[in-house]
N, C-alpha and C. Protein backbone atom coordinates (compact mmCIF):
# COMPACT_ATOMS: atom_id res chain seq x y z
N MET A 1 118.73 -110.20 77.98
CA MET A 1 120.17 -110.44 78.55
C MET A 1 120.30 -111.10 77.62
N ILE A 2 122.22 -110.18 78.15
CA ILE A 2 123.35 -111.26 77.67
C ILE A 2 124.10 -111.63 78.59
N GLU A 3 124.82 -112.61 78.41
CA GLU A 3 125.73 -113.19 79.31
C GLU A 3 127.23 -113.16 78.67
N ILE A 4 128.47 -112.26 79.52
CA ILE A 4 129.69 -112.51 78.84
C ILE A 4 130.59 -112.54 79.86
N ASP A 5 131.16 -113.79 80.12
CA ASP A 5 131.86 -113.71 81.37
C ASP A 5 130.93 -114.20 82.31
N ASP A 6 131.49 -113.42 83.71
CA ASP A 6 130.32 -113.49 84.68
C ASP A 6 129.81 -112.05 84.61
N LYS A 7 129.73 -111.38 83.35
CA LYS A 7 128.78 -110.33 83.57
C LYS A 7 127.54 -110.50 83.02
N ILE A 8 126.43 -109.86 83.24
CA ILE A 8 124.86 -109.96 82.92
C ILE A 8 124.81 -108.48 81.95
N VAL A 9 124.91 -108.52 80.60
CA VAL A 9 124.49 -107.30 79.96
C VAL A 9 123.11 -107.24 79.59
N SER A 10 122.24 -105.97 80.17
CA SER A 10 120.71 -105.83 79.50
C SER A 10 121.43 -105.28 78.38
N ALA A 11 120.68 -105.87 77.28
CA ALA A 11 120.57 -105.74 75.81
C ALA A 11 120.27 -104.60 75.44
N ASP A 12 119.78 -103.49 76.01
CA ASP A 12 119.26 -102.19 75.91
C ASP A 12 120.75 -101.34 75.76
N ILE A 13 122.05 -101.93 75.99
CA ILE A 13 123.07 -101.43 76.21
C ILE A 13 123.31 -101.17 74.84
N LEU A 14 123.03 -102.47 73.90
CA LEU A 14 123.66 -102.60 72.74
C LEU A 14 122.83 -102.33 71.77
N ARG A 15 121.71 -101.80 72.03
CA ARG A 15 120.51 -101.37 71.20
C ARG A 15 120.53 -100.33 71.12
N GLU A 16 120.15 -99.45 72.44
CA GLU A 16 119.62 -98.26 72.35
C GLU A 16 120.75 -96.68 72.34
N SER A 17 120.26 -95.96 71.65
CA SER A 17 121.11 -94.89 71.43
C SER A 17 121.80 -94.28 72.31
N PHE A 18 122.71 -93.29 72.34
CA PHE A 18 123.06 -92.06 73.37
C PHE A 18 124.68 -91.64 73.12
N ALA A 19 124.17 -90.58 73.15
CA ALA A 19 125.31 -89.64 73.01
C ALA A 19 125.91 -87.77 73.97
N CYS A 20 126.22 -88.11 75.00
CA CYS A 20 125.84 -86.77 75.90
C CYS A 20 125.74 -85.38 75.02
N ASP A 21 125.43 -84.95 75.52
CA ASP A 21 124.82 -83.30 74.57
C ASP A 21 125.09 -82.30 75.97
N LEU A 22 125.99 -81.75 76.11
CA LEU A 22 126.21 -80.73 77.42
C LEU A 22 125.51 -79.49 76.97
N ALA A 23 125.81 -79.34 75.58
CA ALA A 23 125.06 -78.42 75.37
C ALA A 23 123.51 -78.01 75.65
N ALA A 24 123.26 -79.11 75.82
CA ALA A 24 121.20 -79.08 76.09
C ALA A 24 121.17 -79.51 78.01
N CYS A 25 121.66 -80.15 78.22
CA CYS A 25 121.54 -80.77 79.66
C CYS A 25 122.16 -79.72 80.62
N LYS A 26 123.30 -79.43 80.02
CA LYS A 26 123.99 -78.30 80.76
C LYS A 26 124.68 -79.31 82.33
N GLY A 27 124.82 -80.54 82.10
CA GLY A 27 125.54 -81.36 83.16
C GLY A 27 124.50 -81.57 84.09
N ALA A 28 123.32 -81.81 83.78
CA ALA A 28 122.44 -82.07 85.02
C ALA A 28 122.65 -83.30 85.63
N CYS A 29 123.39 -84.32 85.42
CA CYS A 29 123.15 -85.54 85.76
C CYS A 29 124.64 -85.33 87.08
N CYS A 30 125.39 -84.40 87.34
CA CYS A 30 126.21 -83.99 88.39
C CYS A 30 125.01 -83.00 89.65
N VAL A 31 124.10 -82.79 88.81
CA VAL A 31 123.10 -81.62 90.26
C VAL A 31 122.03 -82.94 90.53
N GLU A 32 121.25 -83.14 89.47
CA GLU A 32 120.13 -84.09 89.54
C GLU A 32 120.07 -85.25 90.79
N GLY A 33 118.91 -85.67 91.33
CA GLY A 33 118.79 -87.25 91.70
C GLY A 33 118.74 -86.75 93.22
N ASN A 34 118.38 -87.91 93.66
CA ASN A 34 118.52 -87.95 95.39
C ASN A 34 119.19 -88.63 96.20
N ALA A 35 120.41 -88.85 95.60
CA ALA A 35 121.49 -88.86 96.19
C ALA A 35 122.80 -88.53 95.22
N GLY A 36 124.16 -88.68 96.01
CA GLY A 36 125.18 -88.86 95.36
C GLY A 36 125.77 -89.42 94.63
N ALA A 37 126.80 -89.57 93.76
CA ALA A 37 127.22 -90.54 92.64
C ALA A 37 127.34 -92.02 93.42
N PRO A 38 127.28 -93.16 93.16
CA PRO A 38 127.85 -94.28 93.88
C PRO A 38 129.26 -94.32 93.38
N LEU A 39 130.11 -94.92 94.56
CA LEU A 39 131.34 -94.77 94.91
C LEU A 39 131.75 -96.37 95.13
N GLU A 40 132.56 -96.81 94.24
CA GLU A 40 133.36 -97.82 95.07
C GLU A 40 134.18 -97.75 96.11
N ALA A 41 134.48 -98.96 97.26
CA ALA A 41 135.44 -98.57 98.52
C ALA A 41 136.41 -98.32 98.15
N GLU A 42 137.45 -98.76 97.24
CA GLU A 42 138.74 -98.26 97.06
C GLU A 42 138.71 -96.58 96.33
N GLU A 43 137.59 -96.22 95.74
CA GLU A 43 137.63 -94.63 94.99
C GLU A 43 137.42 -94.24 96.38
N VAL A 44 137.02 -94.05 97.45
CA VAL A 44 137.40 -93.18 98.78
C VAL A 44 138.55 -92.75 99.15
N ASP A 45 139.41 -93.87 99.10
CA ASP A 45 140.67 -93.44 99.12
C ASP A 45 141.50 -92.99 98.31
N ILE A 46 141.01 -93.22 97.23
CA ILE A 46 141.71 -92.63 95.93
C ILE A 46 141.02 -90.87 96.50
N LEU A 47 139.83 -91.20 96.76
CA LEU A 47 139.35 -89.38 96.27
C LEU A 47 140.15 -88.60 97.89
N GLU A 48 140.77 -88.88 98.95
CA GLU A 48 141.23 -88.59 100.07
C GLU A 48 142.64 -88.28 99.74
N ARG A 49 143.25 -89.50 99.00
CA ARG A 49 144.59 -89.09 98.61
C ARG A 49 145.10 -88.14 97.54
N GLU A 50 144.21 -87.91 97.02
CA GLU A 50 144.40 -86.90 95.52
C GLU A 50 143.48 -85.59 95.99
N TYR A 51 142.86 -85.39 97.17
CA TYR A 51 142.23 -84.45 97.13
C TYR A 51 142.85 -82.85 96.85
N GLU A 52 143.97 -82.53 97.17
CA GLU A 52 144.68 -81.51 96.87
C GLU A 52 145.00 -81.31 95.31
N HIS A 53 145.10 -82.32 94.86
CA HIS A 53 145.25 -82.14 93.43
C HIS A 53 144.18 -81.50 92.57
N TYR A 54 142.53 -82.14 93.01
CA TYR A 54 141.39 -81.59 92.32
C TYR A 54 140.51 -80.24 93.21
N LYS A 55 141.40 -80.24 94.36
CA LYS A 55 140.39 -79.52 95.41
C LYS A 55 140.13 -77.62 94.71
N PRO A 56 141.19 -77.33 94.20
CA PRO A 56 141.32 -76.10 93.36
C PRO A 56 140.36 -75.76 92.35
N TYR A 57 139.76 -77.12 91.89
CA TYR A 57 138.68 -76.84 90.83
C TYR A 57 137.46 -77.14 91.35
N MET A 58 137.52 -77.05 92.52
CA MET A 58 135.99 -76.98 93.67
C MET A 58 135.70 -75.70 93.38
N THR A 59 134.41 -76.10 93.61
CA THR A 59 133.93 -74.40 94.36
C THR A 59 133.54 -74.48 95.95
N PRO A 60 133.66 -73.44 96.61
CA PRO A 60 134.00 -73.17 97.92
C PRO A 60 132.78 -74.03 98.67
N GLU A 61 131.42 -74.15 97.75
CA GLU A 61 130.53 -74.86 98.54
C GLU A 61 130.93 -76.38 98.58
N GLY A 62 131.63 -76.58 97.57
CA GLY A 62 131.27 -78.12 97.22
C GLY A 62 133.07 -78.38 98.44
N ILE A 63 133.74 -77.64 98.40
CA ILE A 63 135.02 -77.67 99.67
C ILE A 63 134.25 -78.04 100.95
N ALA A 64 133.54 -77.25 101.05
CA ALA A 64 132.80 -76.60 102.44
C ALA A 64 132.15 -78.18 102.84
N ALA A 65 131.34 -78.78 101.76
CA ALA A 65 130.55 -79.91 101.99
C ALA A 65 131.29 -81.37 102.57
N VAL A 66 132.26 -81.51 101.41
CA VAL A 66 133.48 -82.02 101.78
C VAL A 66 133.94 -82.22 102.85
N GLU A 67 134.44 -81.18 103.54
CA GLU A 67 134.97 -80.95 104.66
C GLU A 67 133.91 -80.97 105.98
N ARG A 68 133.06 -81.06 105.87
CA ARG A 68 132.18 -81.11 106.59
C ARG A 68 131.21 -82.61 106.59
N GLN A 69 131.05 -83.37 105.56
CA GLN A 69 130.36 -84.88 105.37
C GLN A 69 131.66 -85.61 105.19
N GLY A 70 132.59 -85.53 104.63
CA GLY A 70 133.34 -86.43 104.41
C GLY A 70 133.78 -86.53 102.88
N PHE A 71 134.37 -87.54 102.55
CA PHE A 71 134.55 -87.91 101.03
C PHE A 71 133.75 -88.47 100.11
N MET A 72 133.13 -89.62 101.31
CA MET A 72 131.82 -90.19 100.56
C MET A 72 131.04 -90.17 102.03
N VAL A 73 129.64 -90.19 101.70
CA VAL A 73 128.50 -90.29 102.56
C VAL A 73 127.95 -91.62 102.47
N ILE A 74 127.00 -92.39 103.13
CA ILE A 74 126.52 -93.48 103.02
C ILE A 74 125.08 -93.48 102.86
N ASP A 75 124.56 -93.67 101.82
CA ASP A 75 122.95 -93.34 101.20
C ASP A 75 121.97 -94.35 102.17
N GLU A 76 120.95 -94.39 101.97
CA GLU A 76 119.75 -94.88 102.67
C GLU A 76 119.98 -96.45 102.31
N ASP A 77 120.41 -96.86 101.62
CA ASP A 77 120.72 -98.26 101.20
C ASP A 77 122.19 -98.93 101.35
N GLY A 78 122.93 -97.77 102.17
CA GLY A 78 124.10 -98.15 102.78
C GLY A 78 125.09 -98.73 101.67
N ASP A 79 124.77 -97.63 100.69
CA ASP A 79 126.11 -97.71 99.39
C ASP A 79 126.97 -96.40 99.93
N TYR A 80 127.77 -96.45 99.51
CA TYR A 80 129.17 -95.12 99.23
C TYR A 80 128.30 -94.42 97.83
N THR A 81 128.43 -93.02 98.54
CA THR A 81 128.08 -92.24 97.35
C THR A 81 128.74 -91.16 97.24
N THR A 82 128.71 -90.08 96.71
CA THR A 82 129.54 -88.57 96.92
C THR A 82 128.67 -87.60 97.77
N PRO A 83 129.65 -86.85 98.37
CA PRO A 83 128.72 -85.87 99.19
C PRO A 83 127.82 -84.87 98.30
N LEU A 84 126.75 -84.40 99.34
CA LEU A 84 126.11 -83.42 98.24
C LEU A 84 125.84 -82.17 98.70
N VAL A 85 126.07 -80.63 97.93
CA VAL A 85 125.80 -79.38 98.40
C VAL A 85 124.73 -79.16 98.49
N ASP A 86 123.82 -79.07 100.08
CA ASP A 86 122.47 -78.69 99.82
C ASP A 86 121.41 -79.76 99.31
N ASP A 87 122.25 -81.02 98.81
CA ASP A 87 120.89 -82.08 98.43
C ASP A 87 120.90 -82.07 97.41
N ALA A 88 121.71 -81.38 96.41
CA ALA A 88 121.51 -81.14 95.06
C ALA A 88 122.67 -81.65 94.60
N GLU A 89 123.94 -80.65 94.28
CA GLU A 89 124.54 -80.89 93.65
C GLU A 89 126.09 -81.95 94.00
N CYS A 90 126.57 -82.33 93.18
CA CYS A 90 127.56 -83.18 93.86
C CYS A 90 128.70 -82.32 94.47
N ALA A 91 129.53 -82.53 95.12
CA ALA A 91 130.56 -81.31 96.12
C ALA A 91 131.70 -81.81 95.21
N TYR A 92 131.53 -82.50 94.31
CA TYR A 92 132.93 -82.47 93.54
C TYR A 92 132.89 -81.79 91.87
N PHE A 93 131.65 -81.03 92.16
CA PHE A 93 131.57 -80.18 90.68
C PHE A 93 132.26 -78.89 90.64
N CYS A 94 132.24 -78.48 89.59
CA CYS A 94 132.61 -77.30 88.96
C CYS A 94 131.57 -76.52 88.17
N ARG A 95 131.79 -75.23 87.61
CA ARG A 95 130.74 -75.06 86.58
C ARG A 95 131.77 -73.83 85.75
N GLU A 96 131.62 -74.19 84.36
CA GLU A 96 132.45 -72.78 83.71
C GLU A 96 130.85 -72.92 82.48
N ASN A 97 130.98 -71.66 82.04
CA ASN A 97 129.87 -71.04 81.15
C ASN A 97 128.44 -71.74 81.16
N GLY A 98 127.79 -71.84 82.49
CA GLY A 98 126.64 -72.03 82.64
C GLY A 98 126.42 -73.96 82.63
N ILE A 99 127.80 -74.63 82.37
CA ILE A 99 127.62 -75.93 82.65
C ILE A 99 128.39 -76.43 83.60
N THR A 100 127.73 -77.26 84.44
CA THR A 100 127.98 -78.32 85.56
C THR A 100 129.33 -79.47 85.02
N PHE A 101 130.72 -79.51 85.72
CA PHE A 101 131.54 -80.79 85.28
C PHE A 101 131.87 -81.18 86.34
N CYS A 102 132.72 -82.24 86.26
CA CYS A 102 133.15 -82.66 87.32
C CYS A 102 134.60 -82.07 87.90
N ALA A 103 134.75 -81.46 88.86
CA ALA A 103 136.43 -81.20 89.12
C ALA A 103 137.36 -81.83 89.28
N ILE A 104 136.74 -83.18 89.24
CA ILE A 104 138.52 -84.18 89.57
C ILE A 104 138.70 -84.77 88.09
N GLU A 105 137.49 -84.61 87.19
CA GLU A 105 137.88 -85.03 85.75
C GLU A 105 138.74 -83.57 85.19
N LYS A 106 137.92 -82.26 85.26
CA LYS A 106 138.81 -81.35 85.05
C LYS A 106 140.46 -81.40 85.51
N ALA A 107 140.62 -81.55 86.82
CA ALA A 107 142.01 -82.19 87.15
C ALA A 107 142.91 -82.94 86.65
N TRP A 108 141.95 -83.89 86.13
CA TRP A 108 142.89 -85.34 85.14
C TRP A 108 143.12 -84.88 84.26
N LYS A 109 142.36 -83.77 83.30
CA LYS A 109 142.23 -83.58 81.83
C LYS A 109 143.93 -82.53 81.64
N GLU A 110 144.07 -82.19 82.62
CA GLU A 110 145.10 -81.11 82.99
C GLU A 110 145.97 -81.26 83.48
N GLY A 111 146.08 -83.07 83.70
CA GLY A 111 147.53 -83.65 84.26
C GLY A 111 147.97 -83.57 85.94
N ARG A 112 146.80 -82.84 86.38
CA ARG A 112 146.87 -82.73 88.07
C ARG A 112 146.53 -84.05 88.88
N THR A 113 146.08 -85.34 88.53
CA THR A 113 145.54 -86.24 89.41
C THR A 113 145.62 -87.60 87.98
N ALA A 114 146.07 -88.52 89.00
CA ALA A 114 145.88 -89.77 87.84
C ALA A 114 144.23 -90.68 88.01
N PHE A 115 143.52 -90.10 88.84
CA PHE A 115 142.46 -89.99 89.00
C PHE A 115 141.08 -89.58 88.16
N ARG A 116 140.71 -90.19 87.08
CA ARG A 116 140.03 -89.38 86.24
C ARG A 116 138.63 -88.81 86.87
N LYS A 117 137.54 -89.86 87.57
CA LYS A 117 136.23 -89.36 88.30
C LYS A 117 135.34 -90.93 88.40
N PRO A 118 134.97 -90.80 89.28
CA PRO A 118 134.32 -92.24 89.87
C PRO A 118 133.62 -92.95 88.74
N ILE A 119 134.03 -94.28 88.87
CA ILE A 119 133.61 -94.93 87.38
C ILE A 119 132.15 -95.12 87.68
N SER A 120 131.38 -94.77 88.66
CA SER A 120 129.45 -94.65 88.38
C SER A 120 129.56 -93.55 87.52
N CYS A 121 130.17 -92.26 87.52
CA CYS A 121 129.88 -91.34 86.84
C CYS A 121 130.60 -91.46 85.13
N HIS A 122 132.07 -92.45 85.33
CA HIS A 122 132.41 -92.49 83.91
C HIS A 122 131.16 -93.30 83.05
N LEU A 123 131.04 -94.14 83.69
CA LEU A 123 130.16 -95.40 82.65
C LEU A 123 128.61 -94.73 82.72
N TYR A 124 128.25 -93.24 83.05
CA TYR A 124 126.55 -93.45 82.82
C TYR A 124 126.47 -92.92 81.85
N PRO A 125 125.09 -93.77 81.15
CA PRO A 125 123.97 -94.13 81.83
C PRO A 125 123.93 -95.61 82.31
N ILE A 126 125.41 -96.43 82.26
CA ILE A 126 125.04 -97.98 82.57
C ILE A 126 125.30 -97.56 84.02
N ARG A 127 124.76 -98.64 84.82
CA ARG A 127 124.94 -98.97 86.40
C ARG A 127 124.89 -100.11 86.46
N LEU A 128 126.18 -100.46 87.42
CA LEU A 128 126.32 -101.65 88.23
C LEU A 128 125.93 -102.20 89.08
N MET A 129 125.05 -103.39 89.29
CA MET A 129 124.73 -104.21 90.20
C MET A 129 125.57 -105.38 90.49
N ARG A 130 126.01 -105.26 91.93
CA ARG A 130 127.26 -106.43 91.89
C ARG A 130 126.29 -107.42 92.56
N PHE A 131 125.75 -108.95 92.32
CA PHE A 131 125.34 -109.93 92.95
C PHE A 131 126.07 -110.70 93.70
N ALA A 132 125.62 -111.47 94.78
CA ALA A 132 126.04 -112.54 95.85
C ALA A 132 127.14 -113.35 94.89
N ASN A 133 126.56 -113.92 93.66
CA ASN A 133 127.65 -114.90 93.40
C ASN A 133 128.96 -114.56 92.51
N GLY A 134 128.84 -113.23 92.84
CA GLY A 134 130.27 -112.59 92.26
C GLY A 134 130.02 -112.43 90.64
N SER A 135 128.89 -112.27 89.98
CA SER A 135 128.93 -111.49 88.85
C SER A 135 128.06 -110.12 88.96
N THR A 136 128.58 -109.75 87.91
CA THR A 136 128.24 -108.15 87.93
C THR A 136 126.95 -107.61 86.78
N GLY A 137 126.12 -106.95 87.28
CA GLY A 137 124.98 -106.58 85.98
C GLY A 137 125.69 -105.39 85.59
N LEU A 138 125.06 -105.43 84.40
CA LEU A 138 125.23 -103.82 83.74
C LEU A 138 123.73 -103.65 83.14
N ASN A 139 123.66 -102.54 83.72
CA ASN A 139 121.99 -102.09 83.45
C ASN A 139 122.05 -100.51 82.40
N TYR A 140 121.15 -100.20 81.95
CA TYR A 140 121.07 -99.19 81.32
C TYR A 140 119.77 -98.26 81.87
N HIS A 141 120.35 -97.09 82.16
CA HIS A 141 119.45 -96.52 83.37
C HIS A 141 119.00 -95.41 82.27
N ARG A 142 117.48 -95.30 81.98
CA ARG A 142 116.90 -94.15 81.78
C ARG A 142 116.41 -93.31 82.85
N TRP A 143 117.13 -92.13 82.58
CA TRP A 143 116.46 -90.59 83.48
C TRP A 143 116.46 -89.68 82.34
N ALA A 144 114.92 -88.98 82.63
CA ALA A 144 114.22 -87.45 81.74
C ALA A 144 115.55 -86.71 81.70
N ILE A 145 116.28 -86.47 82.14
CA ILE A 145 117.36 -85.13 82.01
C ILE A 145 118.28 -85.49 80.81
N CYS A 146 118.57 -86.97 80.66
CA CYS A 146 119.34 -87.08 79.31
C CYS A 146 118.60 -87.58 77.99
N GLU A 147 117.07 -87.27 78.14
CA GLU A 147 116.21 -87.56 76.88
C GLU A 147 117.32 -86.43 75.54
N SER A 148 118.13 -85.22 75.90
CA SER A 148 118.79 -84.77 74.58
C SER A 148 119.96 -85.76 74.51
N ALA A 149 120.38 -86.31 74.94
CA ALA A 149 121.68 -87.46 74.82
C ALA A 149 120.77 -89.01 74.29
N ARG A 150 119.71 -89.28 74.58
CA ARG A 150 119.39 -90.04 73.55
C ARG A 150 118.92 -89.85 71.91
N ALA A 151 118.57 -88.66 71.89
CA ALA A 151 118.39 -87.98 70.79
C ALA A 151 119.65 -87.68 69.99
N CYS A 152 120.06 -87.22 70.74
CA CYS A 152 121.53 -87.08 69.91
C CYS A 152 122.30 -88.67 69.70
N GLY A 153 122.46 -89.16 70.55
CA GLY A 153 122.87 -90.97 70.27
C GLY A 153 121.88 -90.86 68.91
N LYS A 154 121.26 -91.15 68.81
CA LYS A 154 119.96 -91.67 67.89
C LYS A 154 120.01 -91.04 66.37
N ARG A 155 120.92 -89.46 66.91
CA ARG A 155 120.48 -88.90 65.20
C ARG A 155 122.04 -89.06 64.88
N LEU A 156 122.99 -89.60 66.17
CA LEU A 156 124.37 -89.73 65.31
C LEU A 156 124.53 -91.10 64.99
N GLY A 157 123.77 -92.29 65.27
CA GLY A 157 123.78 -93.27 65.43
C GLY A 157 124.98 -94.08 66.21
N ILE A 158 124.68 -93.46 67.36
CA ILE A 158 125.97 -94.03 68.62
C ILE A 158 125.42 -95.17 69.42
N PRO A 159 125.22 -96.15 69.72
CA PRO A 159 124.70 -96.75 70.41
C PRO A 159 125.58 -96.53 71.91
N VAL A 160 124.82 -97.11 72.78
CA VAL A 160 125.17 -96.75 74.29
C VAL A 160 126.43 -97.33 74.72
N TYR A 161 126.68 -98.97 74.43
CA TYR A 161 128.34 -99.24 74.81
C TYR A 161 129.53 -98.36 73.55
N LYS A 162 128.93 -97.89 72.53
CA LYS A 162 130.29 -97.51 71.60
C LYS A 162 130.40 -95.99 72.33
N ALA A 163 129.03 -95.14 72.69
CA ALA A 163 129.63 -93.89 73.47
C ALA A 163 130.23 -94.35 74.62
N LEU A 164 130.12 -95.47 75.39
CA LEU A 164 130.91 -95.18 76.83
C LEU A 164 132.26 -96.48 76.53
N HIS A 165 133.02 -96.89 75.38
CA HIS A 165 134.08 -97.46 74.96
C HIS A 165 134.82 -97.31 75.91
N GLU A 166 135.46 -96.03 76.44
CA GLU A 166 136.51 -95.74 77.18
C GLU A 166 136.37 -96.09 78.42
N PRO A 167 135.03 -95.89 79.45
CA PRO A 167 134.79 -96.45 80.52
C PRO A 167 134.49 -97.57 80.79
N ILE A 168 133.97 -98.49 79.50
CA ILE A 168 133.60 -99.79 79.48
C ILE A 168 135.33 -100.99 79.86
N VAL A 169 135.81 -100.09 79.03
CA VAL A 169 137.51 -100.67 78.89
C VAL A 169 138.11 -100.28 80.28
N ARG A 170 137.96 -98.96 80.89
CA ARG A 170 138.81 -98.99 82.07
C ARG A 170 138.14 -99.73 83.34
N CYS A 171 136.68 -100.12 83.05
CA CYS A 171 136.23 -100.94 83.90
C CYS A 171 136.43 -102.48 83.92
N PHE A 172 136.20 -102.73 82.82
CA PHE A 172 136.35 -104.36 82.31
C PHE A 172 137.31 -104.75 81.27
N GLY A 173 138.00 -104.13 80.90
CA GLY A 173 139.33 -104.46 79.52
C GLY A 173 138.48 -104.53 78.30
N GLU A 174 139.32 -104.44 77.70
CA GLU A 174 139.45 -104.35 76.34
C GLU A 174 138.56 -105.64 75.61
N GLU A 175 139.23 -106.89 76.16
CA GLU A 175 138.40 -108.16 75.83
C GLU A 175 136.93 -108.02 75.93
N PHE A 176 136.79 -107.59 77.23
CA PHE A 176 135.52 -107.83 77.21
C PHE A 176 134.55 -106.40 76.14
N TYR A 177 135.22 -105.54 76.11
CA TYR A 177 134.18 -104.44 75.48
C TYR A 177 134.35 -105.54 73.68
N GLN A 178 135.38 -105.92 73.38
CA GLN A 178 135.25 -107.03 72.37
C GLN A 178 134.56 -107.88 71.62
N GLU A 179 133.51 -108.80 73.15
CA GLU A 179 133.15 -109.03 73.26
C GLU A 179 131.71 -108.68 73.40
N LEU A 180 131.29 -107.50 73.65
CA LEU A 180 130.76 -106.88 73.96
C LEU A 180 130.13 -106.43 72.48
N GLU A 181 130.90 -105.87 71.82
CA GLU A 181 130.65 -105.31 70.64
C GLU A 181 130.35 -107.02 69.49
N ALA A 182 131.00 -108.36 69.35
CA ALA A 182 130.57 -109.00 68.85
C ALA A 182 129.34 -109.25 69.20
N ALA A 183 128.66 -109.27 70.42
CA ALA A 183 127.51 -109.50 70.81
C ALA A 183 126.13 -108.72 70.33
N ALA A 184 126.81 -107.28 69.97
CA ALA A 184 126.07 -106.27 69.49
C ALA A 184 125.68 -106.89 67.97
N ASN A 185 127.11 -106.90 67.41
CA ASN A 185 127.02 -107.47 66.03
C ASN A 185 126.28 -108.40 65.60
N TYR A 186 126.10 -109.77 66.33
CA TYR A 186 125.39 -110.69 66.41
C TYR A 186 123.70 -110.23 66.92
N LEU A 187 123.38 -109.81 67.44
CA LEU A 187 121.98 -108.75 67.70
C LEU A 187 121.64 -107.99 66.52
N ASN A 188 122.09 -107.38 66.00
CA ASN A 188 121.73 -106.61 65.33
C ASN A 188 121.81 -107.26 63.23
N THR A 189 122.29 -108.73 63.34
CA THR A 189 122.07 -109.51 62.04
C THR A 189 120.90 -110.42 62.28
N LYS A 190 119.71 -110.08 63.69
CA LYS A 190 119.09 -111.04 63.68
C LYS A 190 117.58 -110.67 63.41
């Protein structure tokens, strides 16, 4: 573990390789799992406010799930998560050519919403933990469905933190990213 300001960072984020390979996984992270994607409290309001902008990209099943369950559900741990369609796909999904995507992000790419997607999705495979003392843990989550992403990242020589430059900056700022990169460079010289 490495401490940067009030962040506790798993060294695996600096050492392990990762690069999404949608051609191989088909967007399985939007489909698999035992709960929806984690949501920050403020994201629930954003999802509701921006709904009409990304709703046209959602499937009828996803729309029905949101209208039945709401913009978020509370999981068994008491955390906010995205609603699911039939305990499988995230309600905010869409599909193109057999690949599952985020409907919210598709609307964002087309300039229809300022909200890109939940930060937990954007940061994946980094999972955040909030500690009682106010610090935040950044952990590397290994999921079997992402084996192709690990292989692709290794082949291309892309560590997790570099693959996630944009969401790390979105969540913590450029200065934190620069400190993360300095820590990675330090570790690589040892």
